[in-house]
Amino acid sequence: MNKLSFEENLEKLEALVKKLESGENSLDEAVKLYQEGIALAKICHEELKNAEEVIVKLMDSDNLVDFNKE
């Protein structure tokens, strides 16, 4: 189970992308980095989806005032 924060996972993902983009990896290493990147991307996506659900629930509650209404 991944216990890193969203920000830490995103930083790791960004570092992996830079390493892959450098072109200095063997094919085997590039494939491993890609697999790790996909796993991190899925984790980040899930965390963003969960955060969005919380925000939508909060916005749907009657306790909030829409300050953009005229």
Protein backbone atom coordinates (compact mmCIF):
# COMPACT_ATOMS: atom_id res chain seq x y z
CA MET A 1 0.00 0.00 0.00
CA ASN A 2 1.29 3.44 -0.96
CA LYS A 3 1.52 5.76 2.05
CA LEU A 4 3.00 8.78 0.32
CA SER A 5 1.04 11.99 -0.03
CA PHE A 6 -0.45 13.05 -3.35
CA GLU A 7 2.30 15.66 -3.71
CA GLU A 8 5.05 13.10 -3.02
CA ASN A 9 3.58 10.68 -5.56
CA LEU A 10 3.31 13.46 -8.12
CA GLU A 11 6.95 14.46 -7.54
CA LYS A 12 8.03 10.84 -8.01
CA LEU A 13 6.00 10.64 -11.21
CA GLU A 14 7.53 13.85 -12.54
CA ALA A 15 11.03 12.55 -11.76
CA LEU A 16 10.26 9.30 -13.60
CA VAL A 17 9.04 11.22 -16.63
CA LYS A 18 12.23 13.30 -16.70
CA LYS A 19 14.33 10.16 -16.42
CA LEU A 20 12.41 8.52 -19.28
CA GLU A 21 12.64 11.65 -21.42
CA SER A 22 16.40 11.78 -20.96
CA GLY A 23 16.74 8.77 -23.24
CA GLU A 24 19.64 7.47 -21.18
CA ASN A 25 17.90 4.28 -20.05
CA SER A 26 18.20 0.78 -21.36
CA LEU A 27 15.03 -0.70 -22.80
CA ASP A 28 14.53 -2.89 -19.73
CA GLU A 29 15.01 0.05 -17.39
CA ALA A 30 12.68 2.23 -19.46
CA VAL A 31 9.95 -0.41 -19.32
CA LYS A 32 10.32 -0.71 -15.53
CA LEU A 33 10.19 3.07 -15.15
CA TYR A 34 7.13 3.22 -17.39
CA GLN A 35 5.35 0.56 -15.31
CA GLU A 36 6.17 2.41 -12.11
CA GLY A 37 4.94 5.64 -13.69
CA ILE A 38 1.64 4.08 -14.70
CA ALA A 39 1.13 2.81 -11.15
CA LEU A 40 1.87 6.27 -9.71
CA ALA A 41 -0.43 7.92 -12.25
CA LYS A 42 -3.26 5.61 -11.24
CA ILE A 43 -2.70 6.42 -7.56
CA CYS A 44 -2.68 10.17 -8.27
CA HIS A 45 -5.78 9.90 -10.45
CA GLU A 46 -7.66 8.02 -7.73
CA GLU A 47 -6.70 10.61 -5.11
CA LEU A 48 -7.85 13.44 -7.38
CA LYS A 49 -11.12 11.64 -8.07
CA ASN A 50 -11.71 11.19 -4.34
CA ALA A 51 -10.96 14.86 -3.67
CA GLU A 52 -13.36 15.89 -6.43
CA GLU A 53 -16.12 13.75 -4.91
CA VAL A 54 -15.62 15.44 -1.54
CA ILE A 55 -15.75 18.89 -3.15
CA VAL A 56 -18.91 18.04 -5.09
CA LYS A 57 -20.58 16.77 -1.91
CA LEU A 58 -19.61 19.95 -0.08
CA MET A 59 -20.90 22.13 -2.89
CA ASP A 60 -24.18 20.21 -2.97
CA SER A 61 -24.77 20.73 0.74
CA ASP A 62 -27.09 23.53 1.85
CA ASN A 63 -24.41 24.91 4.16
CA LEU A 64 -22.49 26.72 1.44
CA VAL A 65 -23.31 30.03 -0.13
CA ASP A 66 -22.60 30.59 -3.80
CA PHE A 67 -20.75 33.89 -3.87
CA ASN A 68 -20.87 34.03 -7.67
CA LYS A 69 -24.66 34.40 -7.82
CA GLU A 70 -25.89 37.84 -8.75
